[in-house]
Protein backbone atom coordinates (compact mmCIF):
# COMPACT_ATOMS: atom_id res chain seq x y z
CA UNK A 1 -28.75 -12.57 -12.34
CA UNK A 2 -27.97 -10.08 -9.57
CA UNK A 3 -29.42 -6.60 -9.88
CA UNK A 4 -27.12 -3.60 -9.94
CA UNK A 5 -28.45 -2.28 -6.62
CA UNK A 6 -27.87 -5.65 -4.92
CA UNK A 7 -24.33 -5.77 -6.28
CA UNK A 8 -23.66 -2.25 -5.00
CA UNK A 9 -25.04 -3.16 -1.56
CA UNK A 10 -22.82 -6.23 -1.37
CA UNK A 11 -19.78 -4.22 -2.47
CA UNK A 12 -20.48 -1.50 0.09
CA UNK A 13 -20.89 -4.11 2.84
CA UNK A 14 -17.57 -5.76 1.99
CA UNK A 15 -15.80 -2.40 1.86
CA UNK A 16 -17.23 -1.51 5.29
CA UNK A 17 -15.93 -4.77 6.74
CA UNK A 18 -12.44 -4.10 5.35
CA UNK A 19 -12.37 -0.59 6.80
CA UNK A 20 -13.56 -1.85 10.20
CA UNK A 21 -10.93 -4.59 10.19
CA UNK A 22 -8.13 -2.15 9.38
CA UNK A 23 -9.31 0.26 12.09
CA UNK A 24 -8.20 -2.24 14.74
CA UNK A 25 -4.46 -1.94 14.39
CA UNK A 26 -2.26 -4.82 15.44
CA UNK A 27 0.58 -4.16 17.87
CA UNK A 28 4.13 -5.56 17.77
CA UNK A 29 7.30 -4.93 19.82
CA UNK A 30 9.71 -4.29 16.91
CA UNK A 31 9.25 -2.87 13.42
CA UNK A 32 11.23 -5.87 12.10
CA UNK A 33 8.31 -8.08 13.19
CA UNK A 34 6.18 -6.58 10.40
CA UNK A 35 6.66 -8.85 7.41
CA UNK A 36 3.80 -8.30 4.96
CA UNK A 37 2.28 -4.84 5.24
CA UNK A 38 -0.74 -4.29 3.02
CA UNK A 39 -1.86 -1.02 1.47
CA UNK A 40 -3.88 0.91 4.08
CA UNK A 41 -2.99 -1.45 6.93
CA UNK A 42 -1.86 0.12 10.22
CA UNK A 43 0.33 -1.54 12.81
CA UNK A 44 1.40 -0.10 16.16
CA UNK A 45 5.03 -0.62 17.20
CA UNK A 46 5.81 -0.37 20.92
CA UNK A 47 9.58 0.03 20.65
CA UNK A 48 9.99 3.10 22.89
CA UNK A 49 11.08 5.40 20.04
CA UNK A 50 8.18 7.86 20.53
CA UNK A 51 7.68 10.35 23.38
CA UNK A 52 5.80 9.35 26.55
CA UNK A 53 2.10 8.77 25.91
CA UNK A 54 2.66 8.02 22.22
CA UNK A 55 3.30 4.93 20.12
CA UNK A 56 4.77 4.49 16.63
CA UNK A 57 2.24 3.76 13.87
CA UNK A 58 3.42 2.10 10.65
CA UNK A 59 0.99 2.25 7.75
CA UNK A 60 0.99 1.04 4.17
CA UNK A 61 0.87 4.51 2.63
CA UNK A 62 1.15 3.94 -1.10
CA UNK A 63 2.19 1.46 -3.74
CA UNK A 64 5.74 1.97 -4.98
CA UNK A 65 7.83 0.18 -7.61
CA UNK A 66 9.09 -2.36 -5.06
CA UNK A 67 5.82 -2.85 -3.15
CA UNK A 68 4.01 -1.06 -0.35
CA UNK A 69 5.77 2.08 0.93
CA UNK A 70 5.67 2.46 4.73
CA UNK A 71 4.81 5.68 6.54
CA UNK A 72 5.90 6.15 10.16
CA UNK A 73 4.50 8.56 12.74
CA UNK A 74 3.98 8.83 16.48
CA UNK A 75 0.33 8.79 17.57
CA UNK A 76 -1.37 9.11 20.94
CA UNK A 77 -1.79 5.85 22.85
CA UNK A 78 -5.41 4.84 23.23
CA UNK A 79 -6.27 3.77 26.73
């Protein structure tokens, strides 16, 4: 049987891995290329719709009645 502290440590480790994985956003050329967006996932879209030096970020903002609701904003490009 696994102790409670070991279970908490394992859970924290898995959560850390998920956060680290979602921190590295994927990049696509068109928003239509995003098929299955997960809650909390962030994808960069390089479609030229944002001002110079910025790129569009699509994120799975919340869970709605029809699935994950997308949020869109322009963010600074990381070099």
